[in-house]
Protein backbone atom coordinates (compact mmCIF):
# COMPACT_ATOMS: atom_id res chain seq x y z
CA MET A 1 18.30 -9.96 6.20
CA GLY A 2 19.51 -12.58 8.77
CA PHE A 3 17.18 -11.25 10.93
CA ILE A 4 14.71 -11.96 8.74
CA LYS A 5 15.57 -15.04 8.33
CA ARG A 6 15.31 -16.18 11.25
CA ILE A 7 12.08 -15.06 12.02
CA LEU A 8 10.98 -16.47 9.47
CA LYS A 9 12.36 -19.79 10.42
CA GLN A 10 9.92 -19.72 13.78
CA LYS A 11 8.08 -22.90 14.04
CA ASN A 12 4.76 -20.49 14.95
CA PHE A 13 1.91 -21.28 12.42
CA MET A 14 -0.45 -18.23 13.36
CA PHE A 15 2.69 -15.85 12.84
CA LYS A 16 3.04 -17.26 9.55
CA LEU A 17 -0.09 -17.41 8.85
CA GLY A 18 -0.73 -13.11 9.40
CA ILE A 19 1.82 -12.88 7.46
CA VAL A 20 0.14 -14.92 4.29
CA ILE A 21 -3.00 -12.51 5.29
CA CYS A 22 -1.05 -9.48 5.31
CA LEU A 23 0.56 -10.30 2.08
CA PHE A 24 -2.78 -11.47 0.59
CA TRP A 25 -3.85 -7.69 1.14
CA ALA A 26 -1.39 -5.66 0.33
CA VAL A 27 -1.00 -7.62 -3.17
CA VAL A 28 -4.74 -7.23 -3.53
CA ALA A 29 -4.24 -3.54 -2.55
CA ILE A 30 -1.72 -2.99 -5.29
CA LEU A 31 -3.49 -4.75 -7.68
CA ALA A 32 -6.76 -3.87 -7.06
CA PRO A 33 -7.74 -1.60 -10.73
CA LEU A 34 -6.09 -5.03 -12.40
CA ILE A 35 -8.13 -7.84 -10.79
CA ALA A 36 -11.10 -5.89 -9.89
CA PRO A 37 -14.02 -7.02 -12.57
CA GLN A 38 -16.02 -3.80 -12.33
CA ASP A 39 -15.65 -0.45 -11.45
CA PRO A 40 -15.99 0.28 -7.99
CA VAL A 41 -18.35 3.16 -8.39
CA ALA A 42 -20.15 2.61 -11.52
CA GLN A 43 -24.23 2.49 -10.58
CA ASP A 44 -26.91 -0.17 -12.01
CA LEU A 45 -29.86 0.42 -10.25
CA SER A 46 -31.26 -2.36 -12.38
CA ARG A 47 -29.20 -4.84 -10.48
CA ARG A 48 -29.93 -3.29 -6.98
CA PHE A 49 -29.86 -5.96 -4.05
CA MET A 50 -28.46 -8.84 -5.99
CA PRO A 51 -27.11 -11.50 -3.84
CA PRO A 52 -23.90 -13.30 -4.79
CA SER A 53 -23.59 -14.80 -7.60
CA GLY A 54 -21.54 -15.90 -10.56
CA GLN A 55 -21.87 -12.64 -12.03
CA ASN A 56 -20.88 -10.83 -8.74
CA TRP A 57 -19.81 -12.90 -6.28
CA PHE A 58 -20.00 -10.73 -3.56
CA GLY A 59 -23.40 -9.23 -4.85
CA THR A 60 -24.39 -5.59 -5.44
CA ASP A 61 -25.26 -2.61 -3.02
CA SER A 62 -28.45 -0.38 -2.87
CA LEU A 63 -27.10 1.52 -6.08
CA GLY A 64 -26.35 -1.60 -7.93
CA ARG A 65 -22.29 -1.39 -7.45
CA ASP A 66 -20.47 -4.69 -7.08
CA VAL A 67 -19.71 -5.42 -3.90
CA PHE A 68 -16.59 -7.56 -4.93
CA SER A 69 -14.78 -4.58 -6.92
CA ARG A 70 -15.61 -2.10 -3.89
CA VAL A 71 -13.77 -4.78 -1.27
CA LEU A 72 -10.90 -4.54 -3.68
CA TYR A 73 -10.47 -1.25 -3.63
CA GLY A 74 -11.48 -0.54 -0.64
CA SER A 75 -8.11 -2.54 0.72
CA ARG A 76 -6.25 0.19 -0.77
CA ILE A 77 -7.87 3.07 1.38
CA SER A 78 -7.90 1.20 4.62
CA ILE A 79 -4.57 -0.40 4.54
CA THR A 80 -2.68 2.59 3.46
CA ALA A 81 -4.63 5.05 6.22
CA GLY A 82 -3.59 2.24 9.02
CA LEU A 83 -0.28 2.22 7.96
CA ILE A 84 0.05 5.79 7.64
CA THR A 85 -1.30 6.40 10.90
CA VAL A 86 0.94 4.18 12.36
CA ALA A 87 3.92 5.52 10.26
CA VAL A 88 3.21 8.53 11.41
CA SER A 89 2.75 7.72 15.48
CA PHE A 90 5.63 5.96 15.47
CA ALA A 91 8.20 8.62 14.29
CA ILE A 92 6.52 11.02 16.92
CA GLY A 93 6.43 8.85 19.87
CA ILE A 94 10.15 7.83 19.27
CA LEU A 95 11.25 11.52 18.89
CA TYR A 96 9.45 12.75 21.63
CA GLY A 97 9.64 9.63 24.05
CA ALA A 98 13.49 9.82 23.38
CA VAL A 99 13.76 13.43 24.15
CA ALA A 100 11.84 13.04 27.50
CA GLY A 101 13.89 9.87 28.72
CA TYR A 102 17.42 11.02 27.71
CA VAL A 103 17.00 14.47 28.84
CA GLY A 104 14.98 13.91 32.24
CA GLY A 105 14.43 16.03 34.51
CA VAL A 106 11.70 18.80 34.49
CA VAL A 107 11.83 18.84 30.59
CA ASP A 108 10.15 14.90 30.88
CA ASP A 109 7.87 15.87 33.81
CA ILE A 110 6.41 18.74 31.24
CA MET A 111 6.45 16.18 28.15
CA MET A 112 4.91 13.43 30.17
CA ARG A 113 1.85 15.57 31.22
CA ILE A 114 1.32 16.93 27.57
CA SER A 115 0.94 13.02 26.72
CA GLU A 116 -0.93 12.25 29.54
CA MET A 117 -3.73 15.06 28.84
CA ILE A 118 -3.94 13.03 25.09
CA GLN A 119 -4.34 9.62 26.70
CA ALA A 120 -6.66 11.24 29.50
CA PHE A 121 -9.89 11.20 26.75
CA PRO A 122 -11.14 8.16 25.21
CA PRO A 123 -9.38 7.34 21.96
CA LEU A 124 -12.29 6.93 19.75
CA ILE A 125 -14.53 9.60 21.52
CA LEU A 126 -11.49 11.99 20.96
CA ALA A 127 -10.78 10.64 17.58
CA MET A 128 -14.60 11.47 16.31
CA VAL A 129 -14.02 15.15 17.84
CA ILE A 130 -10.81 15.94 16.25
CA ALA A 131 -12.11 14.52 12.84
CA ALA A 132 -15.76 16.27 13.06
CA ALA A 133 -13.91 19.33 13.94
CA MET A 134 -11.67 19.13 11.15
CA GLY A 135 -14.52 17.97 8.51
CA PRO A 136 -14.62 14.36 7.25
CA SER A 137 -12.31 13.60 5.18
CA ILE A 138 -9.60 10.32 4.84
CA VAL A 139 -6.54 12.91 5.71
CA ASN A 140 -8.56 14.60 8.42
CA SER A 141 -9.13 11.06 9.81
CA VAL A 142 -5.31 9.84 9.95
CA PHE A 143 -4.59 12.94 11.28
CA ALA A 144 -6.66 12.92 14.15
CA MET A 145 -5.65 8.88 14.68
CA ALA A 146 -2.23 10.00 14.61
CA ILE A 147 -2.93 12.72 17.16
CA ILE A 148 -4.35 9.91 19.96
CA TRP A 149 -2.12 7.00 18.80
CA TRP A 150 1.49 8.91 19.43
CA PRO A 151 1.33 9.25 23.26
CA ASN A 152 1.44 5.32 23.27
CA TYR A 153 4.50 5.15 21.71
CA ALA A 154 6.56 8.03 23.64
CA ARG A 155 5.97 6.49 27.05
CA LEU A 156 7.27 2.88 25.65
CA THR A 157 10.03 4.56 24.35
CA ARG A 158 10.20 7.10 27.43
CA SER A 159 10.69 4.02 29.56
CA ILE A 160 12.97 2.05 27.57
CA VAL A 161 15.15 4.39 27.06
CA ILE A 162 15.75 5.35 30.91
CA SER A 163 16.50 1.49 31.32
CA VAL A 164 18.90 1.42 28.59
CA LYS A 165 20.87 4.52 29.20
CA GLY A 166 22.39 3.34 32.17
CA ASN A 167 23.89 0.80 30.41
CA ASP A 168 27.92 0.11 29.87
CA TYR A 169 27.97 0.83 26.32
CA VAL A 170 26.16 4.08 26.62
CA THR A 171 28.77 5.17 29.48
CA ALA A 172 31.87 3.87 27.51
CA SER A 173 30.26 6.51 24.34
CA LYS A 174 30.45 9.40 26.71
CA LEU A 175 33.70 9.11 28.05
CA MET A 176 35.06 8.30 24.35
CA GLY A 177 33.52 12.07 23.93
CA ALA A 178 29.99 11.30 21.78
CA SER A 179 27.93 14.00 21.83
CA ARG A 180 24.04 13.40 23.23
CA LEU A 181 22.67 13.26 19.91
CA ARG A 182 25.28 10.58 18.68
CA ILE A 183 24.44 8.60 21.70
CA LEU A 184 20.98 9.16 21.85
CA PHE A 185 20.30 7.80 17.69
CA LYS A 186 23.47 5.48 17.14
CA GLU A 187 23.33 3.78 21.12
CA ILE A 188 20.06 3.94 22.67
CA LEU A 189 17.52 4.14 20.33
CA PRO A 190 18.61 1.34 17.91
CA ASN A 191 18.79 -1.02 21.23
CA SER A 192 15.04 0.22 21.93
CA ILE A 193 13.46 -0.86 18.69
CA GLY A 194 12.29 -4.23 19.13
CA PRO A 195 9.68 -4.02 21.60
CA LEU A 196 8.24 -0.12 19.50
CA VAL A 197 8.18 -2.38 16.18
CA VAL A 198 6.02 -5.07 18.15
CA MET A 199 3.91 -2.21 18.96
CA SER A 200 3.45 -0.92 15.25
CA THR A 201 2.80 -4.43 14.20
CA LEU A 202 -0.11 -4.83 16.74
CA ASP A 203 -1.46 -1.41 16.44
CA LEU A 204 -1.75 -1.41 12.55
CA GLY A 205 -4.94 -4.05 13.13
CA ASN A 206 -6.14 -1.20 16.01
CA ALA A 207 -5.47 1.62 13.00
CA ILE A 208 -7.70 -0.19 10.35
CA LEU A 209 -10.14 -0.88 12.58
CA MET A 210 -10.71 2.71 14.16
CA PHE A 211 -10.17 4.25 10.79
CA SER A 212 -12.96 1.98 9.48
CA GLY A 213 -15.11 2.84 12.45
CA LEU A 214 -14.61 6.83 11.74
CA SER A 215 -15.71 6.02 7.99
CA PHE A 216 -18.92 4.02 9.46
CA LEU A 217 -19.77 7.51 11.15
CA GLY A 218 -19.24 9.27 8.52
CA LEU A 219 -16.16 10.94 9.81
CA GLY A 220 -13.71 9.15 7.22
CA VAL A 221 -13.79 8.20 3.54
CA GLN A 222 -17.14 10.17 1.69
CA PRO A 223 -19.56 8.67 -0.81
CA PRO A 224 -18.81 6.88 -3.74
CA THR A 225 -15.18 6.09 -2.60
CA PRO A 226 -14.99 2.56 -1.53
CA GLU A 227 -13.93 2.08 1.72
CA TRP A 228 -14.51 -1.24 4.42
CA GLY A 229 -16.32 1.03 7.18
CA ALA A 230 -18.07 2.83 5.15
CA MET A 231 -19.55 -0.12 3.25
CA VAL A 232 -20.40 -1.77 6.58
CA SER A 233 -22.64 1.43 7.01
CA ASP A 234 -24.18 0.87 3.76
CA GLY A 235 -25.35 -2.49 4.85
CA VAL A 236 -26.67 -1.72 8.02
CA SER A 237 -30.05 0.24 6.75
CA THR A 238 -30.76 -2.80 4.71
CA PHE A 239 -29.58 -5.49 7.44
CA GLN A 240 -31.81 -8.50 5.10
CA ASN A 241 -28.99 -7.73 2.35
CA TRP A 242 -26.50 -9.28 4.66
CA TRP A 243 -23.77 -9.26 2.02
CA ILE A 244 -23.31 -5.48 1.74
CA SER A 245 -21.49 -5.36 5.23
CA THR A 246 -20.77 -9.22 5.59
CA PHE A 247 -17.78 -9.20 2.91
CA PRO A 248 -16.11 -5.40 3.83
CA GLY A 249 -16.69 -6.63 7.60
CA LEU A 250 -14.38 -9.91 7.06
CA ALA A 251 -11.83 -8.09 5.24
CA ILE A 252 -11.55 -5.22 8.47
CA PHE A 253 -11.42 -8.61 10.48
CA THR A 254 -8.73 -10.54 8.52
CA VAL A 255 -6.34 -7.67 7.90
CA ALA A 256 -6.48 -7.05 11.77
CA MET A 257 -6.30 -11.00 12.75
CA GLY A 258 -3.27 -11.14 10.35
CA ALA A 259 -1.47 -8.34 11.87
CA ASN A 260 -2.08 -8.97 15.58
CA PHE A 261 -1.03 -12.62 14.39
CA ILE A 262 2.44 -10.83 13.27
CA GLY A 263 2.71 -8.76 16.00
CA ASP A 264 2.52 -11.71 18.94
CA GLY A 265 5.10 -13.59 16.48
CA LEU A 266 7.55 -10.81 16.73
CA ARG A 267 6.58 -10.31 20.49
CA ASP A 268 7.62 -13.89 21.29
CA TYR A 269 10.64 -14.01 19.19
CA LEU A 270 11.93 -10.79 20.74
CA ASP A 271 11.37 -11.78 24.45
CA PRO A 272 14.43 -13.58 25.44
CA LYS A 273 12.58 -15.98 27.21
CA LEU A 274 10.61 -16.74 24.98
CA ARG A 275 12.47 -17.31 22.29
CA ASN A 276 14.52 -20.09 24.03
CA GLN A 277 11.28 -22.09 24.47
CA LEU A 278 10.24 -21.60 20.69
């Protein structure tokens, strides 16, 4: 709690703005069934392509569905998919990189070559290939993104572990007879978590963007489920009806921006030089 209080005392306006934006969308995602004025999948062909008005704040789409309600419900899928992707990549990458960095030698070389094989491909293209091969669905898209994302955490964890494992407190633990697992999980990883948390916060916005991109291409959420990327795709064919893609696009933009603001603020706080300046 003390760590959180110190962070919140920062005078970084953009950091606080990022927290407000992300909390806003978190509340929207949780309360969407309560605050959405209409059923997000209910069709009314007599109200197709209605512009924003008092009855439909964000207008209606090609099937007469309320865009505002669909944006609210879409937050539940887009944000959840981003969080799951980052959490799975974070867990796998930390364990993989920690073992590689701590053991070293041939094991380290083999493990890093495997991660480099994945990183050799353009991320979005590789995710598209995996998602297309497995079939379009939310689960498959999240799985595809986790596959391409975990090597980033693995390489960062490995570099941090290599630099930390030579510190005096690690040597002292070895002399006291602590096991290798205890040293790794009790001494090294707790002192390596800061940069990884910053990276995961910055990646949240990127994960939401990529998931929306996969849905935009038809490889993620399938109709009629509301999701921001798929909603933007719906508006492309009728671009003159600007509200169909504009409002979900703004939702993607604000969440990604808020996550980046938080990541920048955490990076500034965890960097000793920048923290002294702040």
